[in-house]
Amino acid sequence: MERAAVFDVDGTLVDTNHLHVTAWWEAFRQAGHRIPMHSVHRAVGLGSGDLIARLLGEDRDRARDAEISAAHKVLYGQFFDRLPPLPDAGRLLHRLHEDGWAVVLATSAGGAELAALRRAIDADDAITATASADDVTEGKPAPEPVEHALELAGAPADHSVFVGDTVWDMRAGTRAGVHCVGVLCGGIPRADLREAGADVIYDDPAHLLAALPESPFA
C-alpha cells in the first residue's frame, strides 16, 4: 500500500514566510491599509483571498482584493531568483523517496512562484506530485489540498504524514485524517501548532531528518 509524505512548502521547506510578510505588508500599505506585521505573519499560509479577508474583514472593499493580491505577487516575485531552502530540505525529501514514500507537495503557491520554490528545494527527482493552488477550489485550513495530495499519491490518509509550519497546515491535515508533523522554522509557536493538531514537532527539516528513526515516518 502506497505511503504519502505530504509537505507544505513555504516556511516548511523554503525559508520564505518573512519574505511573504514583507511583501503582503507593502501590498496592504500601497492600498492604504496599515496592517501590523505580526498579524500578517499569523495569516501567512492561507490562500490570497482568505488572507486578505482575515486581515481586512468581511466589510472591506472587495473590489480591491485583486489589486492587493497582484501587488503581493509582484513584490514577492523580486525574490524568486534567491529563495533560500531550509537546512536539509532537499536531503529530507530524497531520503523519504529512497525509503519508499511518495513525496507530494501541498502548497498554496502556483505558476512561477511554485517553480521558483521547487528550484530552491532542488529535489524534483524525489517529488512524486504537487497539489498546488491551481488544483483545488478551497485552500488550507480546508482539507482539500491534503486530500488532493493523497489522491495524487494513491495513498490512504492513515498511511500518510503531512508536514507543515502553520496552524492552517495542522488544521488541514487533521481534517484530512493524516498524521500531522509541525516544524518551527516558519515562526509559529510550538503551543499553537500543538493546539492546531500537530502530533509531534521538530525545529526544521534538518531536525526531522536526523530524527527520522523515531518520527511518524519510521
C-alpha atoms as a PDB file:
ATOM      1  CA  MET A   1       0.000   0.000   0.000  1.00  0.00           C
ATOM      2  CA  GLU A   2       1.345   3.426  -1.000  1.00  0.00           C
ATOM      3  CA  ARG A   3       2.514   5.778   1.738  1.00  0.00           C
ATOM      4  CA  ALA A   4       2.425   9.538   1.186  1.00  0.00           C
ATOM      5  CA  ALA A   5       4.779  12.086   2.706  1.00  0.00           C
ATOM      6  CA  VAL A   6       2.928  15.337   2.086  1.00  0.00           C
ATOM      7  CA  PHE A   7       4.775  18.625   2.577  1.00  0.00           C
ATOM      8  CA  ASP A   8       3.768  22.231   2.774  1.00  0.00           C
ATOM      9  CA  VAL A   9       6.455  24.358   1.100  1.00  0.00           C
ATOM     10  CA  ASP A  10       6.607  27.981   2.297  1.00  0.00           C
ATOM     11  CA  GLY A  11       8.116  28.069   5.776  1.00  0.00           C
ATOM     12  CA  THR A  12       8.431  24.279   5.838  1.00  0.00           C
ATOM     13  CA  LEU A  13      10.943  23.505   3.076  1.00  0.00           C
ATOM     14  CA  VAL A  14      11.877  27.047   1.957  1.00  0.00           C
ATOM     15  CA  ASP A  15      12.593  29.981   4.279  1.00  0.00           C
ATOM     16  CA  THR A  16      10.048  32.369   2.772  1.00  0.00           C
ATOM     17  CA  ASN A  17       7.490  33.251   5.434  1.00  0.00           C
ATOM     18  CA  HIS A  18       9.048  36.558   6.375  1.00  0.00           C
ATOM     19  CA  LEU A  19       9.526  37.456   2.714  1.00  0.00           C
ATOM     20  CA  HIS A  20       5.782  36.934   2.328  1.00  0.00           C
ATOM     21  CA  VAL A  21       5.147  39.076   5.406  1.00  0.00           C
ATOM     22  CA  THR A  22       7.155  41.950   3.937  1.00  0.00           C
ATOM     23  CA  ALA A  23       5.509  41.651   0.524  1.00  0.00           C
ATOM     24  CA  TRP A  24       1.972  41.484   1.966  1.00  0.00           C
ATOM     25  CA  TRP A  25       2.681  44.366   4.376  1.00  0.00           C
ATOM     26  CA  GLU A  26       3.806  46.569   1.486  1.00  0.00           C
ATOM     27  CA  ALA A  27       0.896  45.484  -0.729  1.00  0.00           C
ATOM     28  CA  PHE A  28      -1.559  46.473   2.009  1.00  0.00           C
ATOM     29  CA  ARG A  29       0.301  49.744   2.612  1.00  0.00           C
ATOM     30  CA  GLN A  30       0.079  50.650  -1.075  1.00  0.00           C
ATOM     31  CA  ALA A  31      -3.678  50.083  -0.881  1.00  0.00           C
ATOM     32  CA  GLY A  32      -3.959  52.387   2.127  1.00  0.00           C
ATOM     33  CA  HIS A  33      -4.094  49.778   4.899  1.00  0.00           C
ATOM     34  CA  ARG A  34      -1.788  49.717   7.925  1.00  0.00           C
ATOM     35  CA  ILE A  35      -1.612  46.061   8.960  1.00  0.00           C
ATOM     36  CA  PRO A  36       0.846  45.088  11.741  1.00  0.00           C
ATOM     37  CA  MET A  37       3.484  42.672  10.520  1.00  0.00           C
ATOM     38  CA  HIS A  38       2.765  40.223  13.348  1.00  0.00           C
ATOM     39  CA  SER A  39      -0.833  39.978  12.119  1.00  0.00           C
ATOM     40  CA  VAL A  40       0.347  39.336   8.575  1.00  0.00           C
ATOM     41  CA  HIS A  41       2.704  36.634   9.838  1.00  0.00           C
ATOM     42  CA  ARG A  42      -0.122  34.751  11.572  1.00  0.00           C
ATOM     43  CA  ALA A  43      -2.116  34.786   8.316  1.00  0.00           C
ATOM     44  CA  VAL A  44       0.694  33.505   6.069  1.00  0.00           C
ATOM     45  CA  GLY A  45      -0.172  30.048   4.792  1.00  0.00           C
ATOM     46  CA  LEU A  46      -3.699  30.979   3.811  1.00  0.00           C
ATOM     47  CA  GLY A  47      -4.598  31.474   0.161  1.00  0.00           C
ATOM     48  CA  SER A  48      -4.554  35.091  -1.012  1.00  0.00           C
ATOM     49  CA  GLY A  49      -8.307  35.608  -0.789  1.00  0.00           C
ATOM     50  CA  ASP A  50      -8.573  34.114   2.669  1.00  0.00           C
ATOM     51  CA  LEU A  51      -5.529  36.048   3.898  1.00  0.00           C
ATOM     52  CA  ILE A  52      -6.980  39.367   2.726  1.00  0.00           C
ATOM     53  CA  ALA A  53     -10.361  38.538   4.259  1.00  0.00           C
ATOM     54  CA  ARG A  54      -8.770  37.617   7.591  1.00  0.00           C
ATOM     55  CA  LEU A  55      -6.753  40.835   7.785  1.00  0.00           C
ATOM     56  CA  LEU A  56      -9.264  43.333   6.373  1.00  0.00           C
ATOM     57  CA  GLY A  57     -12.543  41.748   7.417  1.00  0.00           C
ATOM     58  CA  GLU A  58     -15.723  40.905   5.572  1.00  0.00           C
ATOM     59  CA  ASP A  59     -16.837  44.548   5.300  1.00  0.00           C
ATOM     60  CA  ARG A  60     -13.799  45.568   3.233  1.00  0.00           C
ATOM     61  CA  ASP A  61     -13.967  46.916  -0.316  1.00  0.00           C
ATOM     62  CA  ARG A  62     -13.681  43.544  -2.053  1.00  0.00           C
ATOM     63  CA  ALA A  63     -13.197  45.218  -5.417  1.00  0.00           C
ATOM     64  CA  ARG A  64      -9.599  45.926  -4.330  1.00  0.00           C
ATOM     65  CA  ASP A  65      -8.743  42.339  -3.378  1.00  0.00           C
ATOM     66  CA  ALA A  66      -7.309  41.542  -6.800  1.00  0.00           C
ATOM     67  CA  GLU A  67      -5.184  44.702  -6.733  1.00  0.00           C
ATOM     68  CA  ILE A  68      -3.709  43.835  -3.331  1.00  0.00           C
ATOM     69  CA  SER A  69      -3.048  40.232  -4.347  1.00  0.00           C
ATOM     70  CA  ALA A  70      -1.386  41.337  -7.591  1.00  0.00           C
ATOM     71  CA  ALA A  71       0.836  43.779  -5.708  1.00  0.00           C
ATOM     72  CA  HIS A  72       1.928  40.995  -3.358  1.00  0.00           C
ATOM     73  CA  LYS A  73       2.807  38.765  -6.327  1.00  0.00           C
ATOM     74  CA  VAL A  74       4.926  41.481  -7.923  1.00  0.00           C
ATOM     75  CA  LEU A  75       6.713  42.334  -4.678  1.00  0.00           C
ATOM     76  CA  TYR A  76       7.341  38.721  -3.713  1.00  0.00           C
ATOM     77  CA  GLY A  77       8.412  37.876  -7.254  1.00  0.00           C
ATOM     78  CA  GLN A  78      11.513  40.022  -6.787  1.00  0.00           C
ATOM     79  CA  PHE A  79      12.930  37.229  -4.600  1.00  0.00           C
ATOM     80  CA  PHE A  80      12.305  34.312  -6.996  1.00  0.00           C
ATOM     81  CA  ASP A  81      15.944  34.012  -8.045  1.00  0.00           C
ATOM     82  CA  ARG A  82      17.230  33.702  -4.462  1.00  0.00           C
ATOM     83  CA  LEU A  83      14.651  31.883  -2.351  1.00  0.00           C
ATOM     84  CA  PRO A  84      16.575  30.122   0.454  1.00  0.00           C
ATOM     85  CA  PRO A  85      15.871  26.441   1.145  1.00  0.00           C
ATOM     86  CA  LEU A  86      15.699  25.457   4.799  1.00  0.00           C
ATOM     87  CA  PRO A  87      18.518  23.223   6.104  1.00  0.00           C
ATOM     88  CA  ASP A  88      18.474  19.715   4.589  1.00  0.00           C
ATOM     89  CA  ALA A  89      15.081  20.222   2.902  1.00  0.00           C
ATOM     90  CA  GLY A  90      16.208  18.524  -0.297  1.00  0.00           C
ATOM     91  CA  ARG A  91      18.037  15.768   1.582  1.00  0.00           C
ATOM     92  CA  LEU A  92      14.924  15.024   3.616  1.00  0.00           C
ATOM     93  CA  LEU A  93      12.771  14.586   0.515  1.00  0.00           C
ATOM     94  CA  HIS A  94      15.399  12.396  -1.136  1.00  0.00           C
ATOM     95  CA  ARG A  95      15.699  10.219   1.973  1.00  0.00           C
ATOM     96  CA  LEU A  96      11.933   9.692   2.199  1.00  0.00           C
ATOM     97  CA  HIS A  97      11.761   8.879  -1.512  1.00  0.00           C
ATOM     98  CA  GLU A  98      14.544   6.332  -1.095  1.00  0.00           C
ATOM     99  CA  ASP A  99      12.655   4.840   1.862  1.00  0.00           C
ATOM    100  CA  GLY A 100       9.621   4.204  -0.340  1.00  0.00           C
ATOM    101  CA  TRP A 101       7.443   7.204   0.446  1.00  0.00           C
ATOM    102  CA  ALA A 102       5.533   9.032  -2.281  1.00  0.00           C
ATOM    103  CA  VAL A 103       6.599  12.632  -1.697  1.00  0.00           C
ATOM    104  CA  VAL A 104       3.906  15.169  -2.587  1.00  0.00           C
ATOM    105  CA  LEU A 105       3.941  18.945  -2.155  1.00  0.00           C
ATOM    106  CA  ALA A 106       0.714  20.613  -0.986  1.00  0.00           C
ATOM    107  CA  THR A 107       1.026  24.365  -1.352  1.00  0.00           C
ATOM    108  CA  SER A 108      -0.998  27.497  -1.985  1.00  0.00           C
ATOM    109  CA  ALA A 109       1.692  28.551  -4.461  1.00  0.00           C
ATOM    110  CA  GLY A 110       1.239  28.043  -8.159  1.00  0.00           C
ATOM    111  CA  GLY A 111       2.726  29.011 -11.512  1.00  0.00           C
ATOM    112  CA  ALA A 112       6.058  30.856 -11.495  1.00  0.00           C
ATOM    113  CA  GLU A 113       6.082  31.014  -7.696  1.00  0.00           C
ATOM    114  CA  LEU A 114       5.834  27.243  -7.361  1.00  0.00           C
ATOM    115  CA  ALA A 115       8.540  26.789  -9.989  1.00  0.00           C
ATOM    116  CA  ALA A 116      10.855  29.093  -8.019  1.00  0.00           C
ATOM    117  CA  LEU A 117      10.185  27.162  -4.812  1.00  0.00           C
ATOM    118  CA  ARG A 118      10.938  23.849  -6.479  1.00  0.00           C
ATOM    119  CA  ARG A 119      14.208  25.245  -7.843  1.00  0.00           C
ATOM    120  CA  ALA A 120      15.150  26.291  -4.317  1.00  0.00           C
ATOM    121  CA  ILE A 121      14.427  22.833  -2.877  1.00  0.00           C
ATOM    122  CA  ASP A 122      16.345  21.152  -5.725  1.00  0.00           C
ATOM    123  CA  ALA A 123      14.765  17.725  -5.230  1.00  0.00           C
ATOM    124  CA  ASP A 124      12.498  17.303  -8.259  1.00  0.00           C
ATOM    125  CA  ASP A 125      13.661  13.724  -8.766  1.00  0.00           C
ATOM    126  CA  ALA A 126      12.283  12.846  -5.311  1.00  0.00           C
ATOM    127  CA  ILE A 127       8.895  14.561  -5.735  1.00  0.00           C
ATOM    128  CA  THR A 128       6.084  12.339  -6.979  1.00  0.00           C
ATOM    129  CA  ALA A 129       3.490  15.074  -7.492  1.00  0.00           C
ATOM    130  CA  THR A 130       2.379  18.553  -6.466  1.00  0.00           C
ATOM    131  CA  ALA A 131      -1.042  19.710  -5.290  1.00  0.00           C
ATOM    132  CA  SER A 132      -0.956  23.450  -5.921  1.00  0.00           C
ATOM    133  CA  ALA A 133      -3.390  26.338  -5.611  1.00  0.00           C
ATOM    134  CA  ASP A 134      -4.222  25.762  -9.277  1.00  0.00           C
ATOM    135  CA  ASP A 135      -5.673  22.315  -8.486  1.00  0.00           C
ATOM    136  CA  VAL A 136      -8.137  22.980  -5.647  1.00  0.00           C
ATOM    137  CA  THR A 137     -11.168  25.167  -5.049  1.00  0.00           C
ATOM    138  CA  GLU A 138     -10.577  25.723  -1.333  1.00  0.00           C
ATOM    139  CA  GLY A 139      -7.206  26.158   0.345  1.00  0.00           C
ATOM    140  CA  LYS A 140      -5.948  25.401   3.831  1.00  0.00           C
ATOM    141  CA  PRO A 141      -7.254  25.130   6.544  1.00  0.00           C
ATOM    142  CA  ALA A 142      -9.765  23.177   4.457  1.00  0.00           C
ATOM    143  CA  PRO A 143      -8.604  19.579   3.963  1.00  0.00           C
ATOM    144  CA  GLU A 144      -8.868  19.694   0.159  1.00  0.00           C
ATOM    145  CA  PRO A 145      -5.169  20.423  -0.574  1.00  0.00           C
ATOM    146  CA  VAL A 146      -4.059  17.479   1.583  1.00  0.00           C
ATOM    147  CA  GLU A 147      -6.799  15.213   0.261  1.00  0.00           C
ATOM    148  CA  HIS A 148      -5.814  16.052  -3.305  1.00  0.00           C
ATOM    149  CA  ALA A 149      -2.181  15.271  -2.485  1.00  0.00           C
ATOM    150  CA  LEU A 150      -3.240  11.850  -1.191  1.00  0.00           C
ATOM    151  CA  GLU A 151      -5.215  11.219  -4.379  1.00  0.00           C
ATOM    152  CA  LEU A 152      -2.157  12.063  -6.483  1.00  0.00           C
ATOM    153  CA  ALA A 153      -0.069   9.641  -4.426  1.00  0.00           C
ATOM    154  CA  GLY A 154      -2.732   6.942  -4.357  1.00  0.00           C
ATOM    155  CA  ALA A 155      -2.285   6.685  -0.599  1.00  0.00           C
ATOM    156  CA  PRO A 156      -4.831   6.399   2.235  1.00  0.00           C
ATOM    157  CA  ALA A 157      -4.861   9.016   4.973  1.00  0.00           C
ATOM    158  CA  ASP A 158      -3.973   6.576   7.749  1.00  0.00           C
ATOM    159  CA  HIS A 159      -0.769   5.615   5.913  1.00  0.00           C
ATOM    160  CA  SER A 160       0.275   9.205   5.288  1.00  0.00           C
ATOM    161  CA  VAL A 161       2.053  12.048   7.079  1.00  0.00           C
ATOM    162  CA  PHE A 162       1.671  15.787   6.479  1.00  0.00           C
ATOM    163  CA  VAL A 163       4.465  18.204   7.441  1.00  0.00           C
ATOM    164  CA  GLY A 164       3.754  21.923   7.802  1.00  0.00           C
ATOM    165  CA  ASP A 165       4.688  25.054   9.712  1.00  0.00           C
ATOM    166  CA  THR A 166       1.388  26.887  10.310  1.00  0.00           C
ATOM    167  CA  VAL A 167      -1.812  26.319  12.232  1.00  0.00           C
ATOM    168  CA  TRP A 168      -3.570  26.270   8.843  1.00  0.00           C
ATOM    169  CA  ASP A 169      -1.419  23.294   7.828  1.00  0.00           C
ATOM    170  CA  MET A 170      -2.153  21.402  11.025  1.00  0.00           C
ATOM    171  CA  ARG A 171      -5.892  22.054  10.784  1.00  0.00           C
ATOM    172  CA  ALA A 172      -5.956  20.934   7.149  1.00  0.00           C
ATOM    173  CA  GLY A 173      -4.021  17.765   7.945  1.00  0.00           C
ATOM    174  CA  THR A 174      -6.176  16.946  10.949  1.00  0.00           C
ATOM    175  CA  ARG A 175      -9.345  17.348   8.907  1.00  0.00           C
ATOM    176  CA  ALA A 176      -7.883  15.142   6.187  1.00  0.00           C
ATOM    177  CA  GLY A 177      -7.167  12.404   8.752  1.00  0.00           C
ATOM    178  CA  VAL A 178      -3.393  12.198   8.288  1.00  0.00           C
ATOM    179  CA  HIS A 179      -0.622  12.164  10.888  1.00  0.00           C
ATOM    180  CA  CYS A 180       0.472  15.797  11.380  1.00  0.00           C
ATOM    181  CA  VAL A 181       4.071  16.891  11.905  1.00  0.00           C
ATOM    182  CA  GLY A 182       4.803  20.519  12.741  1.00  0.00           C
ATOM    183  CA  VAL A 183       8.044  22.418  12.182  1.00  0.00           C
ATOM    184  CA  LEU A 184       9.040  25.611  13.968  1.00  0.00           C
ATOM    185  CA  CYS A 185      11.043  27.166  11.130  1.00  0.00           C
ATOM    186  CA  GLY A 186       8.045  29.162   9.890  1.00  0.00           C
ATOM    187  CA  GLY A 187       7.998  31.145  13.128  1.00  0.00           C
ATOM    188  CA  ILE A 188       4.739  29.856  14.631  1.00  0.00           C
ATOM    189  CA  PRO A 189       4.962  28.937  18.343  1.00  0.00           C
ATOM    190  CA  ARG A 190       5.093  25.279  19.355  1.00  0.00           C
ATOM    191  CA  ALA A 191       1.973  25.615  21.534  1.00  0.00           C
ATOM    192  CA  ASP A 192      -0.073  26.951  18.608  1.00  0.00           C
ATOM    193  CA  LEU A 193       0.964  24.088  16.331  1.00  0.00           C
ATOM    194  CA  ARG A 194       0.208  21.564  19.050  1.00  0.00           C
ATOM    195  CA  GLU A 195      -3.229  23.065  19.696  1.00  0.00           C
ATOM    196  CA  ALA A 196      -3.989  23.002  15.956  1.00  0.00           C
ATOM    197  CA  GLY A 197      -3.325  19.258  15.751  1.00  0.00           C
ATOM    198  CA  ALA A 198       0.408  18.574  15.450  1.00  0.00           C
ATOM    199  CA  ASP A 199       1.231  15.071  16.707  1.00  0.00           C
ATOM    200  CA  VAL A 200       4.937  15.882  17.006  1.00  0.00           C
ATOM    201  CA  ILE A 201       7.041  18.995  16.346  1.00  0.00           C
ATOM    202  CA  TYR A 202      10.608  19.479  15.046  1.00  0.00           C
ATOM    203  CA  ASP A 203      12.772  22.557  14.607  1.00  0.00           C
ATOM    204  CA  ASP A 204      13.203  22.310  10.825  1.00  0.00           C
ATOM    205  CA  PRO A 205      13.804  19.773   8.017  1.00  0.00           C
ATOM    206  CA  ALA A 206      17.310  19.031   9.287  1.00  0.00           C
ATOM    207  CA  HIS A 207      15.972  18.163  12.738  1.00  0.00           C
ATOM    208  CA  LEU A 208      13.282  15.928  11.242  1.00  0.00           C
ATOM    209  CA  LEU A 209      15.834  14.197   9.001  1.00  0.00           C
ATOM    210  CA  ALA A 210      18.081  13.463  11.984  1.00  0.00           C
ATOM    211  CA  ALA A 211      15.115  12.146  13.968  1.00  0.00           C
ATOM    212  CA  LEU A 212      13.519  10.035  11.218  1.00  0.00           C
ATOM    213  CA  PRO A 213      14.003   6.688  13.038  1.00  0.00           C
ATOM    214  CA  GLU A 214      11.820   7.937  15.920  1.00  0.00           C
ATOM    215  CA  SER A 215       9.421  10.035  13.828  1.00  0.00           C
ATOM    216  CA  PRO A 216       5.999   9.225  12.327  1.00  0.00           C
ATOM    217  CA  PHE A 217       7.964   8.280   9.187  1.00  0.00           C
ATOM    218  CA  ALA A 218       9.646   5.373  10.987  1.00  0.00           C
END
